């Protein structure tokens, strides 16, 4: 029996993005107020994050150790 995998959502809610980053949704709200954190989009009154933007934000915070350089 094969299982179908759900395609990854293109736009994440603040809660979903926060879960991916390991922070509280309120932290993302504060970051957006101070123009920090991942790029976000306003859809009506809602805030949405592209999964690729969240992943890029994570990658930008990567610090290579000596062994990884």
PDB file of N, CA and C in Angstrom:
ATOM      1  N   UNK A   1       0.839  -1.181   0.000  1.00  0.00           N
ATOM      2  CA  UNK A   1       0.000   0.000   0.000  1.00  0.00           C
ATOM      3  C   UNK A   1       0.885   1.246   0.000  1.00  0.00           C
ATOM      4  N   UNK A   2       0.591   2.177  -0.859  1.00  0.00           N
ATOM      5  CA  UNK A   2       1.369   3.413  -0.918  1.00  0.00           C
ATOM      6  C   UNK A   2       0.631   4.509  -0.182  1.00  0.00           C
ATOM      7  N   UNK A   3       1.388   5.380   0.410  1.00  0.00           N
ATOM      8  CA  UNK A   3       0.781   6.530   1.084  1.00  0.00           C
ATOM      9  C   UNK A   3       1.136   7.778   0.303  1.00  0.00           C
ATOM     10  N   UNK A   4       0.179   8.630   0.152  1.00  0.00           N
ATOM     11  CA  UNK A   4       0.431   9.892  -0.535  1.00  0.00           C
ATOM     12  C   UNK A   4       0.889  10.916   0.477  1.00  0.00           C
ATOM     13  N   UNK A   5       1.961  11.590   0.145  1.00  0.00           N
ATOM     14  CA  UNK A   5       2.444  12.639   1.030  1.00  0.00           C
ATOM     15  C   UNK A   5       1.796  13.945   0.636  1.00  0.00           C
ATOM     16  N   UNK A   6       1.416  14.681   1.630  1.00  0.00           N
ATOM     17  CA  UNK A   6       0.825  15.987   1.406  1.00  0.00           C
ATOM     18  C   UNK A   6       1.910  16.942   0.920  1.00  0.00           C
ATOM     19  N   UNK A   7       1.671  17.689  -0.151  1.00  0.00           N
ATOM     20  CA  UNK A   7       2.700  18.644  -0.592  1.00  0.00           C
ATOM     21  C   UNK A   7       2.893  19.732   0.464  1.00  0.00           C
ATOM     22  N   UNK A   8       4.103  20.210   0.565  1.00  0.00           N
ATOM     23  CA  UNK A   8       4.404  21.259   1.538  1.00  0.00           C
ATOM     24  C   UNK A   8       3.632  22.525   1.176  1.00  0.00           C
ATOM     25  N   UNK A   9       3.052  23.149   2.207  1.00  0.00           N
ATOM     26  CA  UNK A   9       2.329  24.391   1.968  1.00  0.00           C
ATOM     27  C   UNK A   9       3.291  25.482   1.527  1.00  0.00           C
ATOM     28  N   UNK A  10       2.868  26.248   0.546  1.00  0.00           N
ATOM     29  CA  UNK A  10       3.706  27.341   0.062  1.00  0.00           C
ATOM     30  C   UNK A  10       3.731  28.486   1.076  1.00  0.00           C
ATOM     31  N   UNK A  11       2.575  28.790   1.662  1.00  0.00           N
ATOM     32  CA  UNK A  11       2.501  29.870   2.648  1.00  0.00           C
ATOM     33  C   UNK A  11       2.169  29.297   4.014  1.00  0.00           C
ATOM     34  N   UNK A  12       2.932  29.713   4.992  1.00  0.00           N
ATOM     35  CA  UNK A  12       2.751  29.248   6.370  1.00  0.00           C
ATOM     36  C   UNK A  12       2.099  30.339   7.208  1.00  0.00           C
ATOM     37  N   UNK A  13       1.313  29.937   8.181  1.00  0.00           N
ATOM     38  CA  UNK A  13       0.790  30.892   9.152  1.00  0.00           C
ATOM     39  C   UNK A  13       1.926  31.278  10.094  1.00  0.00           C
ATOM     40  N   UNK A  14       1.680  32.287  10.897  1.00  0.00           N
ATOM     41  CA  UNK A  14       2.699  32.689  11.874  1.00  0.00           C
ATOM     42  C   UNK A  14       2.986  31.538  12.830  1.00  0.00           C
ATOM     43  N   UNK A  15       1.952  30.820  13.226  1.00  0.00           N
ATOM     44  CA  UNK A  15       2.129  29.696  14.153  1.00  0.00           C
ATOM     45  C   UNK A  15       2.989  28.604  13.510  1.00  0.00           C
ATOM     46  N   UNK A  16       2.729  28.282  12.237  1.00  0.00           N
ATOM     47  CA  UNK A  16       3.498  27.244  11.549  1.00  0.00           C
ATOM     48  C   UNK A  16       4.949  27.668  11.351  1.00  0.00           C
ATOM     49  N   UNK A  17       5.166  28.920  10.997  1.00  0.00           N
ATOM     50  CA  UNK A  17       6.532  29.418  10.820  1.00  0.00           C
ATOM     51  C   UNK A  17       7.275  29.400  12.154  1.00  0.00           C
ATOM     52  N   UNK A  18       6.593  29.796  13.219  1.00  0.00           N
ATOM     53  CA  UNK A  18       7.208  29.796  14.542  1.00  0.00           C
ATOM     54  C   UNK A  18       7.603  28.382  14.954  1.00  0.00           C
ATOM     55  N   UNK A  19       6.740  27.424  14.659  1.00  0.00           N
ATOM     56  CA  UNK A  19       7.035  26.031  14.986  1.00  0.00           C
ATOM     57  C   UNK A  19       8.272  25.552  14.231  1.00  0.00           C
ATOM     58  N   UNK A  20       8.359  25.919  12.967  1.00  0.00           N
ATOM     59  CA  UNK A  20       9.516  25.546  12.149  1.00  0.00           C
ATOM     60  C   UNK A  20      10.806  26.156  12.706  1.00  0.00           C
ATOM     61  N   UNK A  21      10.712  27.380  13.236  1.00  0.00           N
ATOM     62  CA  UNK A  21      11.879  28.077  13.779  1.00  0.00           C
ATOM     63  C   UNK A  21      12.164  27.729  15.241  1.00  0.00           C
ATOM     64  N   UNK A  22      11.200  27.134  15.914  1.00  0.00           N
ATOM     65  CA  UNK A  22      11.381  26.805  17.324  1.00  0.00           C
ATOM     66  C   UNK A  22      11.222  28.003  18.247  1.00  0.00           C
ATOM     67  N   UNK A  23      10.385  28.967  17.838  1.00  0.00           N
ATOM     68  CA  UNK A  23      10.110  30.139  18.666  1.00  0.00           C
ATOM     69  C   UNK A  23       8.597  30.284  18.822  1.00  0.00           C
ATOM     70  N   UNK A  24       8.181  31.174  19.687  1.00  0.00           N
ATOM     71  CA  UNK A  24       6.758  31.437  19.860  1.00  0.00           C
ATOM     72  C   UNK A  24       6.248  32.348  18.748  1.00  0.00           C
ATOM     73  N   UNK A  25       4.968  32.221  18.382  1.00  0.00           N
ATOM     74  CA  UNK A  25       4.400  33.139  17.397  1.00  0.00           C
ATOM     75  C   UNK A  25       4.553  34.604  17.808  1.00  0.00           C
ATOM     76  N   UNK A  26       4.479  34.882  19.102  1.00  0.00           N
ATOM     77  CA  UNK A  26       4.658  36.256  19.585  1.00  0.00           C
ATOM     78  C   UNK A  26       6.056  36.775  19.278  1.00  0.00           C
ATOM     79  N   UNK A  27       7.040  35.893  19.289  1.00  0.00           N
ATOM     80  CA  UNK A  27       8.409  36.290  18.945  1.00  0.00           C
ATOM     81  C   UNK A  27       8.466  36.755  17.502  1.00  0.00           C
ATOM     82  N   UNK A  28       7.802  36.027  16.602  1.00  0.00           N
ATOM     83  CA  UNK A  28       7.765  36.447  15.201  1.00  0.00           C
ATOM     84  C   UNK A  28       7.070  37.788  15.050  1.00  0.00           C
ATOM     85  N   UNK A  29       6.027  38.027  15.837  1.00  0.00           N
ATOM     86  CA  UNK A  29       5.321  39.313  15.785  1.00  0.00           C
ATOM     87  C   UNK A  29       6.250  40.451  16.193  1.00  0.00           C
ATOM     88  N   UNK A  30       7.025  40.229  17.249  1.00  0.00           N
ATOM     89  CA  UNK A  30       7.977  41.249  17.705  1.00  0.00           C
ATOM     90  C   UNK A  30       9.056  41.460  16.650  1.00  0.00           C
ATOM     91  N   UNK A  31       9.586  40.367  16.110  1.00  0.00           N
ATOM     92  CA  UNK A  31      10.615  40.485  15.080  1.00  0.00           C
ATOM     93  C   UNK A  31      10.106  41.291  13.889  1.00  0.00           C
ATOM     94  N   UNK A  32       8.879  41.023  13.457  1.00  0.00           N
ATOM     95  CA  UNK A  32       8.354  41.745  12.293  1.00  0.00           C
ATOM     96  C   UNK A  32       8.172  43.227  12.616  1.00  0.00           C
ATOM     97  N   UNK A  33       7.788  43.529  13.848  1.00  0.00           N
ATOM     98  CA  UNK A  33       7.653  44.937  14.256  1.00  0.00           C
ATOM     99  C   UNK A  33       8.991  45.672  14.143  1.00  0.00           C
ATOM    100  N   UNK A  34      10.064  44.998  14.522  1.00  0.00           N
ATOM    101  CA  UNK A  34      11.403  45.606  14.483  1.00  0.00           C
ATOM    102  C   UNK A  34      12.158  45.305  13.187  1.00  0.00           C
ATOM    103  N   UNK A  35      11.436  44.812  12.171  1.00  0.00           N
ATOM    104  CA  UNK A  35      12.024  44.521  10.854  1.00  0.00           C
ATOM    105  C   UNK A  35      13.157  43.495  10.946  1.00  0.00           C
ATOM    106  N   UNK A  36      12.947  42.470  11.761  1.00  0.00           N
ATOM    107  CA  UNK A  36      13.897  41.368  11.892  1.00  0.00           C
ATOM    108  C   UNK A  36      13.185  40.084  11.514  1.00  0.00           C
ATOM    109  N   UNK A  37      13.888  38.998  11.504  1.00  0.00           N
ATOM    110  CA  UNK A  37      13.262  37.715  11.225  1.00  0.00           C
ATOM    111  C   UNK A  37      13.049  37.492   9.739  1.00  0.00           C
ATOM    112  N   UNK A  38      12.345  36.416   9.416  1.00  0.00           N
ATOM    113  CA  UNK A  38      12.136  36.086   8.003  1.00  0.00           C
ATOM    114  C   UNK A  38      11.176  37.065   7.327  1.00  0.00           C
ATOM    115  N   UNK A  39      11.312  37.189   6.018  1.00  0.00           N
ATOM    116  CA  UNK A  39      10.422  38.027   5.217  1.00  0.00           C
ATOM    117  C   UNK A  39       9.010  37.485   5.372  1.00  0.00           C
ATOM    118  N   UNK A  40       8.029  38.381   5.468  1.00  0.00           N
ATOM    119  CA  UNK A  40       6.643  37.942   5.574  1.00  0.00           C
ATOM    120  C   UNK A  40       5.788  38.702   4.566  1.00  0.00           C
ATOM    121  N   UNK A  41       4.593  38.195   4.356  1.00  0.00           N
ATOM    122  CA  UNK A  41       3.658  38.786   3.399  1.00  0.00           C
ATOM    123  C   UNK A  41       2.334  39.031   4.102  1.00  0.00           C
ATOM    124  N   UNK A  42       1.711  40.141   3.794  1.00  0.00           N
ATOM    125  CA  UNK A  42       0.381  40.430   4.316  1.00  0.00           C
ATOM    126  C   UNK A  42      -0.630  39.934   3.287  1.00  0.00           C
ATOM    127  N   UNK A  43      -1.541  39.108   3.713  1.00  0.00           N
ATOM    128  CA  UNK A  43      -2.637  38.623   2.883  1.00  0.00           C
ATOM    129  C   UNK A  43      -3.905  39.085   3.592  1.00  0.00           C
ATOM    130  N   UNK A  44      -4.440  40.196   3.121  1.00  0.00           N
ATOM    131  CA  UNK A  44      -5.544  40.808   3.863  1.00  0.00           C
ATOM    132  C   UNK A  44      -5.008  41.286   5.199  1.00  0.00           C
ATOM    133  N   UNK A  45      -5.618  40.818   6.266  1.00  0.00           N
ATOM    134  CA  UNK A  45      -5.141  41.174   7.609  1.00  0.00           C
ATOM    135  C   UNK A  45      -4.221  40.106   8.190  1.00  0.00           C
ATOM    136  N   UNK A  46      -4.005  39.048   7.446  1.00  0.00           N
ATOM    137  CA  UNK A  46      -3.194  37.928   7.927  1.00  0.00           C
ATOM    138  C   UNK A  46      -1.732  38.082   7.517  1.00  0.00           C
ATOM    139  N   UNK A  47      -0.863  37.520   8.324  1.00  0.00           N
ATOM    140  CA  UNK A  47       0.566  37.477   8.015  1.00  0.00           C
ATOM    141  C   UNK A  47       0.890  36.057   7.590  1.00  0.00           C
ATOM    142  N   UNK A  48       1.593  35.930   6.476  1.00  0.00           N
ATOM    143  CA  UNK A  48       1.989  34.620   5.968  1.00  0.00           C
ATOM    144  C   UNK A  48       3.472  34.640   5.627  1.00  0.00           C
ATOM    145  N   UNK A  49       4.076  33.472   5.740  1.00  0.00           N
ATOM    146  CA  UNK A  49       5.504  33.312   5.459  1.00  0.00           C
ATOM    147  C   UNK A  49       5.670  32.256   4.379  1.00  0.00           C
ATOM    148  N   UNK A  50       6.503  32.532   3.389  1.00  0.00           N
ATOM    149  CA  UNK A  50       6.855  31.510   2.415  1.00  0.00           C
ATOM    150  C   UNK A  50       7.811  30.546   3.096  1.00  0.00           C
ATOM    151  N   UNK A  51       7.575  29.277   2.901  1.00  0.00           N
ATOM    152  CA  UNK A  51       8.460  28.267   3.505  1.00  0.00           C
ATOM    153  C   UNK A  51       9.908  28.515   3.087  1.00  0.00           C
ATOM    154  N   UNK A  52      10.118  28.881   1.816  1.00  0.00           N
ATOM    155  CA  UNK A  52      11.482  29.118   1.319  1.00  0.00           C
ATOM    156  C   UNK A  52      12.125  30.312   2.033  1.00  0.00           C
ATOM    157  N   UNK A  53      11.341  31.331   2.394  1.00  0.00           N
ATOM    158  CA  UNK A  53      11.884  32.490   3.126  1.00  0.00           C
ATOM    159  C   UNK A  53      12.290  32.092   4.543  1.00  0.00           C
ATOM    160  N   UNK A  54      11.478  31.250   5.179  1.00  0.00           N
ATOM    161  CA  UNK A  54      11.810  30.783   6.533  1.00  0.00           C
ATOM    162  C   UNK A  54      13.073  29.927   6.484  1.00  0.00           C
ATOM    163  N   UNK A  55      13.158  29.051   5.492  1.00  0.00           N
ATOM    164  CA  UNK A  55      14.345  28.202   5.362  1.00  0.00           C
ATOM    165  C   UNK A  55      15.591  29.037   5.050  1.00  0.00           C
ATOM    166  N   UNK A  56      15.450  30.085   4.243  1.00  0.00           N
ATOM    167  CA  UNK A  56      16.584  30.981   3.956  1.00  0.00           C
ATOM    168  C   UNK A  56      17.029  31.703   5.216  1.00  0.00           C
ATOM    169  N   UNK A  57      16.064  32.142   6.021  1.00  0.00           N
ATOM    170  CA  UNK A  57      16.380  32.817   7.283  1.00  0.00           C
ATOM    171  C   UNK A  57      17.172  31.881   8.197  1.00  0.00           C
ATOM    172  N   UNK A  58      16.767  30.630   8.244  1.00  0.00           N
ATOM    173  CA  UNK A  58      17.491  29.650   9.060  1.00  0.00           C
ATOM    174  C   UNK A  58      18.911  29.486   8.536  1.00  0.00           C
ATOM    175  N   UNK A  59      19.046  29.362   7.228  1.00  0.00           N
ATOM    176  CA  UNK A  59      20.365  29.164   6.609  1.00  0.00           C
ATOM    177  C   UNK A  59      21.275  30.373   6.828  1.00  0.00           C
ATOM    178  N   UNK A  60      20.723  31.579   6.824  1.00  0.00           N
ATOM    179  CA  UNK A  60      21.524  32.789   7.034  1.00  0.00           C
ATOM    180  C   UNK A  60      22.118  32.833   8.435  1.00  0.00           C
ATOM    181  N   UNK A  61      21.484  32.161   9.374  1.00  0.00           N
ATOM    182  CA  UNK A  61      21.990  32.136  10.739  1.00  0.00           C
ATOM    183  C   UNK A  61      23.012  31.043  10.973  1.00  0.00           C
ATOM    184  N   UNK A  62      23.313  30.290   9.942  1.00  0.00           N
ATOM    185  CA  UNK A  62      24.267  29.178  10.061  1.00  0.00           C
ATOM    186  C   UNK A  62      25.676  29.711  10.257  1.00  0.00           C
ATOM    187  N   UNK A  63      26.362  29.140  11.223  1.00  0.00           N
ATOM    188  CA  UNK A  63      27.740  29.516  11.510  1.00  0.00           C
ATOM    189  C   UNK A  63      28.594  28.257  11.368  1.00  0.00           C
ATOM    190  N   UNK A  64      29.541  28.317  10.456  1.00  0.00           N
ATOM    191  CA  UNK A  64      30.397  27.151  10.211  1.00  0.00           C
ATOM    192  C   UNK A  64      31.463  27.055  11.280  1.00  0.00           C
ATOM    193  N   UNK A  65      31.674  25.838  11.768  1.00  0.00           N
ATOM    194  CA  UNK A  65      32.770  25.604  12.699  1.00  0.00           C
ATOM    195  C   UNK A  65      34.029  25.333  11.896  1.00  0.00           C
ATOM    196  N   UNK A  66      35.147  25.272  12.553  1.00  0.00           N
ATOM    197  CA  UNK A  66      36.405  25.027  11.851  1.00  0.00           C
ATOM    198  C   UNK A  66      36.373  23.749  11.035  1.00  0.00           C
ATOM    199  N   UNK A  67      35.767  22.695  11.596  1.00  0.00           N
ATOM    200  CA  UNK A  67      35.710  21.423  10.904  1.00  0.00           C
ATOM    201  C   UNK A  67      34.866  21.505   9.641  1.00  0.00           C
ATOM    202  N   UNK A  68      33.915  22.415   9.590  1.00  0.00           N
ATOM    203  CA  UNK A  68      33.008  22.515   8.448  1.00  0.00           C
ATOM    204  C   UNK A  68      33.505  23.467   7.386  1.00  0.00           C
ATOM    205  N   UNK A  69      34.522  24.248   7.647  1.00  0.00           N
ATOM    206  CA  UNK A  69      34.978  25.255   6.691  1.00  0.00           C
ATOM    207  C   UNK A  69      35.712  24.659   5.541  1.00  0.00           C
TER     208      UNK A  69
END
